[in-house]
Amino acid sequence: MIYDILMQLSIMYEIGENPKVVSERLWHSNVSVTLDKYSHVTPNIQDASAEIFSKALRKNN
């Protein structure tokens, strides 16, 4: 069960879902609880963010 929740959370983050939405789905009191506890489970977020930033830089040059 916990694994299923973490997998859903990971997928939501990776598709770019708003952290506030994820927090509400987990019934956390606020988004900082969610980010503090679970943002480490999605290492691909850093790579995706770097790629988006890189594309934006190339587009503006």
C-alpha atoms as a PDB file:
ATOM      1  CA  MET A   1       0.000   0.000   0.000  1.00  0.00           C
ATOM      2  CA  ILE A   2       2.731   2.508   0.942  1.00  0.00           C
ATOM      3  CA  TYR A   3       4.646   1.560  -2.193  1.00  0.00           C
ATOM      4  CA  ASP A   4       1.547   2.268  -4.303  1.00  0.00           C
ATOM      5  CA  ILE A   5       1.141   5.693  -2.730  1.00  0.00           C
ATOM      6  CA  LEU A   6       4.808   6.557  -3.306  1.00  0.00           C
ATOM      7  CA  MET A   7       4.584   5.350  -6.894  1.00  0.00           C
ATOM      8  CA  GLN A   8       1.513   7.515  -7.531  1.00  0.00           C
ATOM      9  CA  LEU A   9       3.251  10.448  -5.902  1.00  0.00           C
ATOM     10  CA  SER A  10       6.372   9.921  -7.981  1.00  0.00           C
ATOM     11  CA  ILE A  11       4.367   9.785 -11.204  1.00  0.00           C
ATOM     12  CA  MET A  12       2.441  12.934 -10.299  1.00  0.00           C
ATOM     13  CA  TYR A  13       5.655  14.846  -9.651  1.00  0.00           C
ATOM     14  CA  GLU A  14       7.300  13.568 -12.817  1.00  0.00           C
ATOM     15  CA  ILE A  15       4.399  14.652 -15.025  1.00  0.00           C
ATOM     16  CA  GLY A  16       4.642  18.098 -13.513  1.00  0.00           C
ATOM     17  CA  GLU A  17       1.654  18.040 -11.198  1.00  0.00           C
ATOM     18  CA  ASN A  18       1.479  20.982  -8.847  1.00  0.00           C
ATOM     19  CA  PRO A  19       2.893  20.050  -5.410  1.00  0.00           C
ATOM     20  CA  LYS A  20      -0.184  21.572  -3.754  1.00  0.00           C
ATOM     21  CA  VAL A  21      -2.405  19.091  -5.594  1.00  0.00           C
ATOM     22  CA  VAL A  22      -0.170  16.203  -4.525  1.00  0.00           C
ATOM     23  CA  SER A  23      -0.277  17.480  -0.944  1.00  0.00           C
ATOM     24  CA  GLU A  24      -4.067  17.607  -0.954  1.00  0.00           C
ATOM     25  CA  ARG A  25      -4.318  14.083  -2.359  1.00  0.00           C
ATOM     26  CA  LEU A  26      -2.172  12.850   0.530  1.00  0.00           C
ATOM     27  CA  TRP A  27      -4.262  14.834   3.035  1.00  0.00           C
ATOM     28  CA  HIS A  28      -1.244  16.712   4.346  1.00  0.00           C
ATOM     29  CA  SER A  29      -1.857  19.831   6.414  1.00  0.00           C
ATOM     30  CA  ASN A  30       0.260  21.911   4.046  1.00  0.00           C
ATOM     31  CA  VAL A  31       2.468  21.535   0.999  1.00  0.00           C
ATOM     32  CA  SER A  32       5.725  21.873   2.941  1.00  0.00           C
ATOM     33  CA  VAL A  33       4.994  18.550   4.661  1.00  0.00           C
ATOM     34  CA  THR A  34       4.712  16.865   1.275  1.00  0.00           C
ATOM     35  CA  LEU A  35       7.809  18.496  -0.147  1.00  0.00           C
ATOM     36  CA  ASP A  36       9.901  17.781   2.948  1.00  0.00           C
ATOM     37  CA  LYS A  37       8.889  14.120   3.087  1.00  0.00           C
ATOM     38  CA  TYR A  38       8.621  13.060  -0.529  1.00  0.00           C
ATOM     39  CA  SER A  39      10.436  15.320  -2.965  1.00  0.00           C
ATOM     40  CA  HIS A  40      13.523  13.087  -2.731  1.00  0.00           C
ATOM     41  CA  VAL A  41      11.675  10.129  -4.290  1.00  0.00           C
ATOM     42  CA  THR A  42      11.815  11.633  -7.772  1.00  0.00           C
ATOM     43  CA  PRO A  43      15.422  12.148  -8.883  1.00  0.00           C
ATOM     44  CA  ASN A  44      14.292  12.632 -12.489  1.00  0.00           C
ATOM     45  CA  ILE A  45      12.768  15.985 -11.563  1.00  0.00           C
ATOM     46  CA  GLN A  46      16.221  17.597 -11.433  1.00  0.00           C
ATOM     47  CA  ASP A  47      17.102  16.251 -14.884  1.00  0.00           C
ATOM     48  CA  ALA A  48      13.784  17.351 -16.352  1.00  0.00           C
ATOM     49  CA  SER A  49      14.130  20.806 -14.856  1.00  0.00           C
ATOM     50  CA  ALA A  50      17.638  21.193 -16.247  1.00  0.00           C
ATOM     51  CA  GLU A  51      16.422  20.168 -19.698  1.00  0.00           C
ATOM     52  CA  ILE A  52      13.531  22.650 -19.637  1.00  0.00           C
ATOM     53  CA  PHE A  53      15.885  25.426 -18.528  1.00  0.00           C
ATOM     54  CA  SER A  54      18.385  24.501 -21.236  1.00  0.00           C
ATOM     55  CA  LYS A  55      15.683  24.578 -23.921  1.00  0.00           C
ATOM     56  CA  ALA A  56      14.507  27.978 -22.700  1.00  0.00           C
ATOM     57  CA  LEU A  57      18.048  29.334 -22.909  1.00  0.00           C
ATOM     58  CA  ARG A  58      18.528  28.002 -26.445  1.00  0.00           C
ATOM     59  CA  LYS A  59      15.186  29.465 -27.506  1.00  0.00           C
ATOM     60  CA  ASN A  60      16.105  32.924 -26.214  1.00  0.00           C
ATOM     61  CA  ASN A  61      19.541  33.006 -27.883  1.00  0.00           C
END
